[in-house]
Amino acid sequence: MQDDANPLESAALDRWQVVGAASGARPGEVHPTRLLGQDIAWTLEPSGVPRAWRRRAAITGSKDALPAILRYGFVWTCLGTPPADLFPIPEYAEPDRRNIDAGTFGVQVSAPRAVENFLDMGHFPYVHTDYLGVEPHTEVKDYQVDISASRDEILATRCLFWQPRAALAADAGMDVEYVYRVPHPYCAILYKSCPSDPSRRDVIALFVQPVEETRVNAYMLLSLIDLENSDTGIRHFQQTIFGQDKPILENQFPKRLPLDPRAETPIRADKSSIAYRRWLREQGVRYGTIW
């Protein structure tokens, strides 16, 4: 098992990486940050077009300008050669959805650890008691996990869990169906039963910025069917959930995610985690992992 510092590799460099939330960003305001251990900055032009660059040089005409796109209310850039576009979230464009930036969370953990925690239903009754789970409803029922060759992403389906309050719009406990997508090593998307409309699903996306190997900024996008609650109330609910996760994440050891299947003992409930670790290894992702 590799235990030394991981080098930057194309699996991390040649991808769009999230670097900031556009909501609340004033045109022309410079936002310094770090991505994959490197100093960068970004801004929005008055037209709303994003710009990004390495911080050792000025923006205009600089050879250190970086590609940048605005997707789902967030700014994304790439330190290498990016793909043509980012993974799709078609629900974001549906006119009756509430698309809400739920906040930015700094966490002392690796990006893969943050994603793996997002995929884990087993901790709901113990970490998110009276929200996403409660004892004695602790069983993670068997579910299906596939790695799509055509879309090059992980898909977990038939995930069922009883939750006392699955969302702010929920007024009673309910069996909640989850579908998880992992279309990017450092991003995951959750589709869950919608309390307001049983025929549709709410969407919660986790976009993780790998600031350093063991430090991240986690951004939460909510795309919901909710005609009752305020944006502030919805944000507060989601921030409460993430606030419960943060100390768990920061106390995990090691902070980088081991990819060797012998490193940590899995159980049936960890099928998503097992698939995610295998997929990361197949992708060649070293930043934030232990091989």
C-alpha atoms as a PDB file:
ATOM      1  CA  MET A   1       0.000   0.000   0.000  1.00  0.00           C
ATOM      2  CA  GLN A   2       1.359   3.400  -0.974  1.00  0.00           C
ATOM      3  CA  ASP A   3       1.619   5.706   2.022  1.00  0.00           C
ATOM      4  CA  ASP A   4       3.605   8.661   0.760  1.00  0.00           C
ATOM      5  CA  ALA A   5       2.316  11.957  -0.584  1.00  0.00           C
ATOM      6  CA  ASN A   6       0.405  11.472  -3.810  1.00  0.00           C
ATOM      7  CA  PRO A   7       1.486  13.332  -6.946  1.00  0.00           C
ATOM      8  CA  LEU A   8      -0.941  15.294  -9.069  1.00  0.00           C
ATOM      9  CA  GLU A   9      -2.158  13.129 -11.918  1.00  0.00           C
ATOM     10  CA  SER A  10      -4.295  13.602 -15.014  1.00  0.00           C
ATOM     11  CA  ALA A  11      -7.320  12.081 -13.258  1.00  0.00           C
ATOM     12  CA  ALA A  12      -7.409  15.199 -11.065  1.00  0.00           C
ATOM     13  CA  LEU A  13      -5.748  17.769 -13.346  1.00  0.00           C
ATOM     14  CA  ASP A  14      -7.785  17.072 -16.491  1.00  0.00           C
ATOM     15  CA  ARG A  15     -11.209  17.560 -14.907  1.00  0.00           C
ATOM     16  CA  TRP A  16     -13.457  20.463 -14.140  1.00  0.00           C
ATOM     17  CA  GLN A  17     -13.139  21.232 -10.424  1.00  0.00           C
ATOM     18  CA  VAL A  18     -15.503  23.436  -8.451  1.00  0.00           C
ATOM     19  CA  VAL A  19     -13.865  26.524  -6.904  1.00  0.00           C
ATOM     20  CA  GLY A  20     -16.678  28.757  -5.676  1.00  0.00           C
ATOM     21  CA  ALA A  21     -20.356  29.661  -5.470  1.00  0.00           C
ATOM     22  CA  ALA A  22     -21.592  32.337  -7.863  1.00  0.00           C
ATOM     23  CA  SER A  23     -24.463  33.344  -5.603  1.00  0.00           C
ATOM     24  CA  GLY A  24     -23.544  36.523  -3.768  1.00  0.00           C
ATOM     25  CA  ALA A  25     -20.360  37.076  -5.810  1.00  0.00           C
ATOM     26  CA  ARG A  26     -20.169  40.672  -7.014  1.00  0.00           C
ATOM     27  CA  PRO A  27     -18.972  41.313 -10.595  1.00  0.00           C
ATOM     28  CA  GLY A  28     -15.243  42.031 -10.667  1.00  0.00           C
ATOM     29  CA  GLU A  29     -14.676  40.835  -7.104  1.00  0.00           C
ATOM     30  CA  VAL A  30     -11.600  38.603  -6.921  1.00  0.00           C
ATOM     31  CA  HIS A  31     -11.884  35.366  -4.959  1.00  0.00           C
ATOM     32  CA  PRO A  32      -8.479  33.884  -4.071  1.00  0.00           C
ATOM     33  CA  THR A  33      -8.464  30.194  -3.208  1.00  0.00           C
ATOM     34  CA  ARG A  34      -6.458  27.009  -3.632  1.00  0.00           C
ATOM     35  CA  LEU A  35      -7.125  24.015  -5.849  1.00  0.00           C
ATOM     36  CA  LEU A  36      -5.151  20.771  -5.707  1.00  0.00           C
ATOM     37  CA  GLY A  37      -2.563  22.563  -3.572  1.00  0.00           C
ATOM     38  CA  GLN A  38      -2.073  25.436  -6.041  1.00  0.00           C
ATOM     39  CA  ASP A  39      -2.903  29.127  -5.625  1.00  0.00           C
ATOM     40  CA  ILE A  40      -5.624  30.323  -7.985  1.00  0.00           C
ATOM     41  CA  ALA A  41      -8.313  32.999  -8.103  1.00  0.00           C
ATOM     42  CA  TRP A  42     -11.593  33.557  -9.910  1.00  0.00           C
ATOM     43  CA  THR A  43     -14.014  36.348 -10.668  1.00  0.00           C
ATOM     44  CA  LEU A  44     -17.251  37.020 -12.517  1.00  0.00           C
ATOM     45  CA  GLU A  45     -17.354  39.602 -15.278  1.00  0.00           C
ATOM     46  CA  PRO A  46     -20.328  42.038 -15.353  1.00  0.00           C
ATOM     47  CA  SER A  47     -21.868  39.764 -17.998  1.00  0.00           C
ATOM     48  CA  GLY A  48     -21.690  36.843 -15.556  1.00  0.00           C
ATOM     49  CA  VAL A  49     -18.910  35.056 -17.463  1.00  0.00           C
ATOM     50  CA  PRO A  50     -16.396  33.479 -15.040  1.00  0.00           C
ATOM     51  CA  ARG A  51     -12.622  33.928 -15.278  1.00  0.00           C
ATOM     52  CA  ALA A  52      -9.951  31.966 -13.405  1.00  0.00           C
ATOM     53  CA  TRP A  53      -6.172  32.200 -13.229  1.00  0.00           C
ATOM     54  CA  ARG A  54      -3.107  31.131 -11.292  1.00  0.00           C
ATOM     55  CA  ARG A  55      -2.415  33.742  -8.632  1.00  0.00           C
ATOM     56  CA  ARG A  56       1.203  34.350  -9.571  1.00  0.00           C
ATOM     57  CA  ALA A  57       0.065  36.307 -12.619  1.00  0.00           C
ATOM     58  CA  ALA A  58      -2.493  38.923 -13.605  1.00  0.00           C
ATOM     59  CA  ILE A  59      -5.669  38.000 -15.458  1.00  0.00           C
ATOM     60  CA  THR A  60      -5.626  39.850 -18.756  1.00  0.00           C
ATOM     61  CA  GLY A  61      -3.412  38.329 -21.394  1.00  0.00           C
ATOM     62  CA  SER A  62      -1.710  36.083 -18.896  1.00  0.00           C
ATOM     63  CA  LYS A  63      -0.378  32.728 -19.994  1.00  0.00           C
ATOM     64  CA  ASP A  64      -1.553  31.524 -16.585  1.00  0.00           C
ATOM     65  CA  ALA A  65      -5.242  32.089 -17.345  1.00  0.00           C
ATOM     66  CA  LEU A  66      -7.280  28.943 -16.698  1.00  0.00           C
ATOM     67  CA  PRO A  67     -10.422  27.664 -18.398  1.00  0.00           C
ATOM     68  CA  ALA A  68     -13.589  28.481 -16.468  1.00  0.00           C
ATOM     69  CA  ILE A  69     -17.296  27.678 -16.707  1.00  0.00           C
ATOM     70  CA  LEU A  70     -20.405  28.491 -14.693  1.00  0.00           C
ATOM     71  CA  ARG A  71     -22.580  25.439 -14.045  1.00  0.00           C
ATOM     72  CA  TYR A  72     -25.413  24.878 -11.556  1.00  0.00           C
ATOM     73  CA  GLY A  73     -24.676  28.181  -9.827  1.00  0.00           C
ATOM     74  CA  PHE A  74     -20.976  27.407  -9.208  1.00  0.00           C
ATOM     75  CA  VAL A  75     -17.691  28.345 -10.855  1.00  0.00           C
ATOM     76  CA  TRP A  76     -15.520  25.503 -12.163  1.00  0.00           C
ATOM     77  CA  THR A  77     -11.975  25.566 -13.501  1.00  0.00           C
ATOM     78  CA  CYS A  78      -9.293  23.093 -14.572  1.00  0.00           C
ATOM     79  CA  LEU A  79      -5.520  22.994 -14.050  1.00  0.00           C
ATOM     80  CA  GLY A  80      -5.015  20.717 -17.064  1.00  0.00           C
ATOM     81  CA  THR A  81      -7.039  19.965 -20.190  1.00  0.00           C
ATOM     82  CA  PRO A  82     -10.744  19.798 -19.296  1.00  0.00           C
ATOM     83  CA  PRO A  83     -13.457  17.753 -20.993  1.00  0.00           C
ATOM     84  CA  ALA A  84     -15.885  19.558 -23.297  1.00  0.00           C
ATOM     85  CA  ASP A  85     -18.445  20.036 -20.520  1.00  0.00           C
ATOM     86  CA  LEU A  86     -19.436  19.045 -17.020  1.00  0.00           C
ATOM     87  CA  PHE A  87     -21.675  16.102 -16.135  1.00  0.00           C
ATOM     88  CA  PRO A  88     -25.394  16.797 -16.682  1.00  0.00           C
ATOM     89  CA  ILE A  89     -28.000  17.510 -14.004  1.00  0.00           C
ATOM     90  CA  PRO A  90     -31.091  18.027 -16.169  1.00  0.00           C
ATOM     91  CA  GLU A  91     -33.388  18.640 -13.189  1.00  0.00           C
ATOM     92  CA  TYR A  92     -31.592  21.953 -12.577  1.00  0.00           C
ATOM     93  CA  ALA A  93     -33.307  23.401 -15.678  1.00  0.00           C
ATOM     94  CA  GLU A  94     -36.845  22.407 -14.686  1.00  0.00           C
ATOM     95  CA  PRO A  95     -38.767  25.675 -14.243  1.00  0.00           C
ATOM     96  CA  ASP A  96     -40.690  24.742 -11.083  1.00  0.00           C
ATOM     97  CA  ARG A  97     -37.656  23.663  -9.073  1.00  0.00           C
ATOM     98  CA  ARG A  98     -36.031  25.658  -6.296  1.00  0.00           C
ATOM     99  CA  ASN A  99     -32.287  25.721  -7.036  1.00  0.00           C
ATOM    100  CA  ILE A 100     -30.570  26.744  -3.813  1.00  0.00           C
ATOM    101  CA  ASP A 101     -26.922  27.127  -2.842  1.00  0.00           C
ATOM    102  CA  ALA A 102     -27.065  25.571   0.627  1.00  0.00           C
ATOM    103  CA  GLY A 103     -23.638  26.800   1.704  1.00  0.00           C
ATOM    104  CA  THR A 104     -19.893  26.251   1.655  1.00  0.00           C
ATOM    105  CA  PHE A 105     -18.268  24.084   4.315  1.00  0.00           C
ATOM    106  CA  GLY A 106     -14.540  23.916   5.004  1.00  0.00           C
ATOM    107  CA  VAL A 107     -13.579  20.450   6.228  1.00  0.00           C
ATOM    108  CA  GLN A 108     -10.222  18.960   7.236  1.00  0.00           C
ATOM    109  CA  VAL A 109     -10.566  15.754   5.234  1.00  0.00           C
ATOM    110  CA  SER A 110      -9.818  14.461   1.748  1.00  0.00           C
ATOM    111  CA  ALA A 111     -12.318  14.912  -1.070  1.00  0.00           C
ATOM    112  CA  PRO A 112     -12.853  11.139  -1.530  1.00  0.00           C
ATOM    113  CA  ARG A 113     -13.613  10.725   2.189  1.00  0.00           C
ATOM    114  CA  ALA A 114     -16.250  13.478   1.921  1.00  0.00           C
ATOM    115  CA  VAL A 115     -17.886  11.811  -1.090  1.00  0.00           C
ATOM    116  CA  GLU A 116     -17.835   8.377   0.537  1.00  0.00           C
ATOM    117  CA  ASN A 117     -19.580   9.757   3.632  1.00  0.00           C
ATOM    118  CA  PHE A 118     -22.269  11.264   1.388  1.00  0.00           C
ATOM    119  CA  LEU A 119     -22.907   7.786  -0.052  1.00  0.00           C
ATOM    120  CA  ASP A 120     -23.190   6.083   3.346  1.00  0.00           C
ATOM    121  CA  MET A 121     -26.722   5.386   4.616  1.00  0.00           C
ATOM    122  CA  GLY A 122     -25.519   3.329   7.578  1.00  0.00           C
ATOM    123  CA  HIS A 123     -24.657   6.379   9.687  1.00  0.00           C
ATOM    124  CA  PHE A 124     -28.108   8.032   9.398  1.00  0.00           C
ATOM    125  CA  PRO A 125     -29.626   6.803  12.692  1.00  0.00           C
ATOM    126  CA  TYR A 126     -26.489   7.543  14.711  1.00  0.00           C
ATOM    127  CA  VAL A 127     -25.264  10.868  13.265  1.00  0.00           C
ATOM    128  CA  HIS A 128     -28.525  12.380  11.968  1.00  0.00           C
ATOM    129  CA  THR A 129     -30.822  11.164  14.747  1.00  0.00           C
ATOM    130  CA  ASP A 130     -34.449  12.327  14.393  1.00  0.00           C
ATOM    131  CA  TYR A 131     -33.700  13.732  10.942  1.00  0.00           C
ATOM    132  CA  LEU A 132     -32.436  11.112   8.491  1.00  0.00           C
ATOM    133  CA  GLY A 133     -32.683   8.151  10.825  1.00  0.00           C
ATOM    134  CA  VAL A 134     -33.545   6.916  14.283  1.00  0.00           C
ATOM    135  CA  GLU A 135     -33.094   3.730  16.288  1.00  0.00           C
ATOM    136  CA  PRO A 136     -34.302   0.983  16.030  1.00  0.00           C
ATOM    137  CA  HIS A 137     -34.668   1.645  12.260  1.00  0.00           C
ATOM    138  CA  THR A 138     -30.994   0.949  11.550  1.00  0.00           C
ATOM    139  CA  GLU A 139     -31.075  -1.667   8.784  1.00  0.00           C
ATOM    140  CA  VAL A 140     -29.649  -0.737   5.388  1.00  0.00           C
ATOM    141  CA  LYS A 141     -31.707  -2.872   3.032  1.00  0.00           C
ATOM    142  CA  ASP A 142     -29.939  -4.506   0.117  1.00  0.00           C
ATOM    143  CA  TYR A 143     -29.616  -2.254  -2.922  1.00  0.00           C
ATOM    144  CA  GLN A 144     -28.153  -2.285  -6.427  1.00  0.00           C
ATOM    145  CA  VAL A 145     -24.860  -0.673  -7.494  1.00  0.00           C
ATOM    146  CA  ASP A 146     -23.640  -0.469 -11.080  1.00  0.00           C
ATOM    147  CA  ILE A 147     -20.775   1.248 -12.849  1.00  0.00           C
ATOM    148  CA  SER A 148     -22.047   2.619 -16.145  1.00  0.00           C
ATOM    149  CA  ALA A 149     -19.506   2.144 -18.934  1.00  0.00           C
ATOM    150  CA  SER A 150     -21.349   4.489 -21.301  1.00  0.00           C
ATOM    151  CA  ARG A 151     -21.602   7.360 -18.798  1.00  0.00           C
ATOM    152  CA  ASP A 152     -18.485   6.435 -16.806  1.00  0.00           C
ATOM    153  CA  GLU A 153     -20.177   6.909 -13.452  1.00  0.00           C
ATOM    154  CA  ILE A 154     -21.489   4.961 -10.474  1.00  0.00           C
ATOM    155  CA  LEU A 155     -25.226   4.507  -9.990  1.00  0.00           C
ATOM    156  CA  ALA A 156     -26.781   3.083  -6.803  1.00  0.00           C
ATOM    157  CA  THR A 157     -30.507   2.308  -6.987  1.00  0.00           C
ATOM    158  CA  ARG A 158     -33.271   0.767  -4.861  1.00  0.00           C
ATOM    159  CA  CYS A 159     -31.818   2.398  -1.740  1.00  0.00           C
ATOM    160  CA  LEU A 160     -34.594   2.475   0.885  1.00  0.00           C
ATOM    161  CA  PHE A 161     -34.375   3.912   4.399  1.00  0.00           C
ATOM    162  CA  TRP A 162     -36.988   4.952   6.958  1.00  0.00           C
ATOM    163  CA  GLN A 163     -36.481   8.582   7.998  1.00  0.00           C
ATOM    164  CA  PRO A 164     -38.311  10.590  10.675  1.00  0.00           C
ATOM    165  CA  ARG A 165     -37.763  13.883   8.801  1.00  0.00           C
ATOM    166  CA  ALA A 166     -36.283  13.409   5.344  1.00  0.00           C
ATOM    167  CA  ALA A 167     -36.570  17.097   4.374  1.00  0.00           C
ATOM    168  CA  LEU A 168     -37.867  20.384   5.739  1.00  0.00           C
ATOM    169  CA  ALA A 169     -41.067  19.835   3.723  1.00  0.00           C
ATOM    170  CA  ALA A 170     -41.696  16.454   5.407  1.00  0.00           C
ATOM    171  CA  ASP A 171     -44.285  16.526   8.195  1.00  0.00           C
ATOM    172  CA  ALA A 172     -44.011  12.860   9.208  1.00  0.00           C
ATOM    173  CA  GLY A 173     -41.675   9.897   9.023  1.00  0.00           C
ATOM    174  CA  MET A 174     -41.550   8.043   5.720  1.00  0.00           C
ATOM    175  CA  ASP A 175     -39.762   5.334   3.794  1.00  0.00           C
ATOM    176  CA  VAL A 176     -37.410   7.274   1.552  1.00  0.00           C
ATOM    177  CA  GLU A 177     -36.023   5.974  -1.713  1.00  0.00           C
ATOM    178  CA  TYR A 178     -32.555   7.150  -2.686  1.00  0.00           C
ATOM    179  CA  VAL A 179     -30.680   7.025  -5.964  1.00  0.00           C
ATOM    180  CA  TYR A 180     -27.004   7.981  -5.878  1.00  0.00           C
ATOM    181  CA  ARG A 181     -24.882   9.087  -8.845  1.00  0.00           C
ATOM    182  CA  VAL A 182     -21.118   9.554  -8.755  1.00  0.00           C
ATOM    183  CA  PRO A 183     -20.184  11.198 -12.079  1.00  0.00           C
ATOM    184  CA  HIS A 184     -16.886  12.733 -10.891  1.00  0.00           C
ATOM    185  CA  PRO A 185     -14.262  11.558  -8.362  1.00  0.00           C
ATOM    186  CA  TYR A 186     -15.041  14.499  -6.085  1.00  0.00           C
ATOM    187  CA  CYS A 187     -18.765  15.011  -6.726  1.00  0.00           C
ATOM    188  CA  ALA A 188     -21.920  13.030  -5.973  1.00  0.00           C
ATOM    189  CA  ILE A 189     -25.613  13.563  -6.639  1.00  0.00           C
ATOM    190  CA  LEU A 190     -28.492  12.238  -4.556  1.00  0.00           C
ATOM    191  CA  TYR A 191     -32.062  11.807  -5.820  1.00  0.00           C
ATOM    192  CA  LYS A 192     -34.551  11.167  -3.020  1.00  0.00           C
ATOM    193  CA  SER A 193     -38.305  10.840  -2.531  1.00  0.00           C
ATOM    194  CA  CYS A 194     -39.984  14.241  -2.639  1.00  0.00           C
ATOM    195  CA  PRO A 195     -42.452  14.849   0.234  1.00  0.00           C
ATOM    196  CA  SER A 196     -44.296  17.504  -1.813  1.00  0.00           C
ATOM    197  CA  ASP A 197     -44.726  15.398  -4.976  1.00  0.00           C
ATOM    198  CA  PRO A 198     -44.395  11.590  -4.724  1.00  0.00           C
ATOM    199  CA  SER A 199     -44.063  11.323  -8.523  1.00  0.00           C
ATOM    200  CA  ARG A 200     -40.779  13.268  -8.553  1.00  0.00           C
ATOM    201  CA  ARG A 201     -37.481  13.353  -6.697  1.00  0.00           C
ATOM    202  CA  ASP A 202     -35.613  16.087  -4.886  1.00  0.00           C
ATOM    203  CA  VAL A 203     -31.970  16.490  -5.887  1.00  0.00           C
ATOM    204  CA  ILE A 204     -29.051  17.174  -3.542  1.00  0.00           C
ATOM    205  CA  ALA A 205     -25.594  17.541  -5.079  1.00  0.00           C
ATOM    206  CA  LEU A 206     -22.281  17.577  -3.240  1.00  0.00           C
ATOM    207  CA  PHE A 207     -19.475  19.331  -5.129  1.00  0.00           C
ATOM    208  CA  VAL A 208     -16.118  19.021  -3.342  1.00  0.00           C
ATOM    209  CA  GLN A 209     -13.178  21.336  -4.026  1.00  0.00           C
ATOM    210  CA  PRO A 210      -9.892  19.575  -3.141  1.00  0.00           C
ATOM    211  CA  VAL A 211      -8.058  22.545  -1.604  1.00  0.00           C
ATOM    212  CA  GLU A 212      -5.268  20.267  -0.385  1.00  0.00           C
ATOM    213  CA  GLU A 213      -5.073  16.483  -0.128  1.00  0.00           C
ATOM    214  CA  THR A 214      -6.683  16.563   3.315  1.00  0.00           C
ATOM    215  CA  ARG A 215      -8.603  19.861   3.208  1.00  0.00           C
ATOM    216  CA  VAL A 216     -11.682  20.627   1.154  1.00  0.00           C
ATOM    217  CA  ASN A 217     -14.425  23.124   0.538  1.00  0.00           C
ATOM    218  CA  ALA A 218     -17.731  21.278   0.208  1.00  0.00           C
ATOM    219  CA  TYR A 219     -20.556  22.977  -1.700  1.00  0.00           C
ATOM    220  CA  MET A 220     -24.177  21.841  -1.503  1.00  0.00           C
ATOM    221  CA  LEU A 221     -26.698  22.369  -4.309  1.00  0.00           C
ATOM    222  CA  LEU A 222     -30.372  21.693  -3.624  1.00  0.00           C
ATOM    223  CA  SER A 223     -32.841  21.350  -6.501  1.00  0.00           C
ATOM    224  CA  LEU A 224     -36.184  20.836  -4.790  1.00  0.00           C
ATOM    225  CA  ILE A 225     -39.936  20.749  -5.284  1.00  0.00           C
ATOM    226  CA  ASP A 226     -40.967  22.804  -2.257  1.00  0.00           C
ATOM    227  CA  LEU A 227     -43.621  25.529  -2.439  1.00  0.00           C
ATOM    228  CA  GLU A 228     -43.928  26.087   1.298  1.00  0.00           C
ATOM    229  CA  ASN A 229     -40.582  26.799   2.932  1.00  0.00           C
ATOM    230  CA  SER A 230     -38.261  29.776   2.586  1.00  0.00           C
ATOM    231  CA  ASP A 231     -34.774  29.547   1.086  1.00  0.00           C
ATOM    232  CA  THR A 232     -33.387  30.457   4.513  1.00  0.00           C
ATOM    233  CA  GLY A 233     -35.267  27.628   6.218  1.00  0.00           C
ATOM    234  CA  ILE A 234     -34.207  25.102   3.586  1.00  0.00           C
ATOM    235  CA  ARG A 235     -30.558  26.184   3.873  1.00  0.00           C
ATOM    236  CA  HIS A 236     -30.658  25.974   7.648  1.00  0.00           C
ATOM    237  CA  PHE A 237     -32.039  22.418   7.512  1.00  0.00           C
ATOM    238  CA  GLN A 238     -29.290  21.267   5.128  1.00  0.00           C
ATOM    239  CA  GLN A 239     -26.588  23.076   7.088  1.00  0.00           C
ATOM    240  CA  THR A 240     -27.773  21.302  10.243  1.00  0.00           C
ATOM    241  CA  ILE A 241     -27.341  17.948   8.489  1.00  0.00           C
ATOM    242  CA  PHE A 242     -23.863  18.802   7.203  1.00  0.00           C
ATOM    243  CA  GLY A 243     -22.872  20.243  10.572  1.00  0.00           C
ATOM    244  CA  GLN A 244     -23.552  16.821  12.089  1.00  0.00           C
ATOM    245  CA  ASP A 245     -21.325  15.172   9.466  1.00  0.00           C
ATOM    246  CA  LYS A 246     -18.372  17.544   9.809  1.00  0.00           C
ATOM    247  CA  PRO A 247     -16.892  16.298  13.139  1.00  0.00           C
ATOM    248  CA  ILE A 248     -17.282  12.700  11.961  1.00  0.00           C
ATOM    249  CA  LEU A 249     -15.380  13.481   8.769  1.00  0.00           C
ATOM    250  CA  GLU A 250     -12.627  15.373  10.563  1.00  0.00           C
ATOM    251  CA  ASN A 251     -12.052  12.524  13.002  1.00  0.00           C
ATOM    252  CA  GLN A 252     -11.694   9.825  10.370  1.00  0.00           C
ATOM    253  CA  PHE A 253      -8.286   8.197  10.084  1.00  0.00           C
ATOM    254  CA  PRO A 254      -6.540   8.111   7.755  1.00  0.00           C
ATOM    255  CA  LYS A 255      -7.868  11.312   6.207  1.00  0.00           C
ATOM    256  CA  ARG A 256      -7.014  10.080   2.718  1.00  0.00           C
ATOM    257  CA  LEU A 257      -9.203   7.274   1.420  1.00  0.00           C
ATOM    258  CA  PRO A 258      -7.529   3.827   1.227  1.00  0.00           C
ATOM    259  CA  LEU A 259      -8.241   2.138  -2.121  1.00  0.00           C
ATOM    260  CA  ASP A 260      -6.737  -1.225  -1.250  1.00  0.00           C
ATOM    261  CA  PRO A 261      -9.752  -3.515  -0.548  1.00  0.00           C
ATOM    262  CA  ARG A 262      -7.853  -5.051   2.372  1.00  0.00           C
ATOM    263  CA  ALA A 263      -7.396  -1.704   4.131  1.00  0.00           C
ATOM    264  CA  GLU A 264     -10.814  -1.455   5.804  1.00  0.00           C
ATOM    265  CA  THR A 265     -13.349  -4.228   6.399  1.00  0.00           C
ATOM    266  CA  PRO A 266     -16.579  -3.640   4.431  1.00  0.00           C
ATOM    267  CA  ILE A 267     -20.081  -4.912   5.219  1.00  0.00           C
ATOM    268  CA  ARG A 268     -23.136  -5.338   2.985  1.00  0.00           C
ATOM    269  CA  ALA A 269     -24.229  -1.731   3.574  1.00  0.00           C
ATOM    270  CA  ASP A 270     -20.924  -0.544   2.087  1.00  0.00           C
ATOM    271  CA  LYS A 271     -21.653  -1.648  -1.498  1.00  0.00           C
ATOM    272  CA  SER A 272     -21.554   1.948  -2.771  1.00  0.00           C
ATOM    273  CA  SER A 273     -18.273   2.578  -0.977  1.00  0.00           C
ATOM    274  CA  ILE A 274     -16.699  -0.572  -2.400  1.00  0.00           C
ATOM    275  CA  ALA A 275     -17.766   0.388  -5.934  1.00  0.00           C
ATOM    276  CA  TYR A 276     -16.562   3.972  -5.439  1.00  0.00           C
ATOM    277  CA  ARG A 277     -13.112   2.890  -4.250  1.00  0.00           C
ATOM    278  CA  ARG A 278     -12.762   0.436  -7.123  1.00  0.00           C
ATOM    279  CA  TRP A 279     -13.872   3.117  -9.602  1.00  0.00           C
ATOM    280  CA  LEU A 280     -11.365   5.650  -8.210  1.00  0.00           C
ATOM    281  CA  ARG A 281      -8.584   3.127  -8.675  1.00  0.00           C
ATOM    282  CA  GLU A 282      -9.706   2.388 -12.245  1.00  0.00           C
ATOM    283  CA  GLN A 283      -9.770   6.137 -12.916  1.00  0.00           C
ATOM    284  CA  GLY A 284      -6.237   6.481 -11.575  1.00  0.00           C
ATOM    285  CA  VAL A 285      -7.210   8.968  -8.860  1.00  0.00           C
ATOM    286  CA  ARG A 286      -4.332   9.421  -6.436  1.00  0.00           C
ATOM    287  CA  TYR A 287      -4.995  12.876  -5.023  1.00  0.00           C
ATOM    288  CA  GLY A 288      -6.706  12.346  -1.672  1.00  0.00           C
ATOM    289  CA  THR A 289      -6.303   8.559  -1.719  1.00  0.00           C
ATOM    290  CA  ILE A 290      -3.927   5.865  -0.497  1.00  0.00           C
ATOM    291  CA  TRP A 291      -3.079   3.103  -3.003  1.00  0.00           C
END
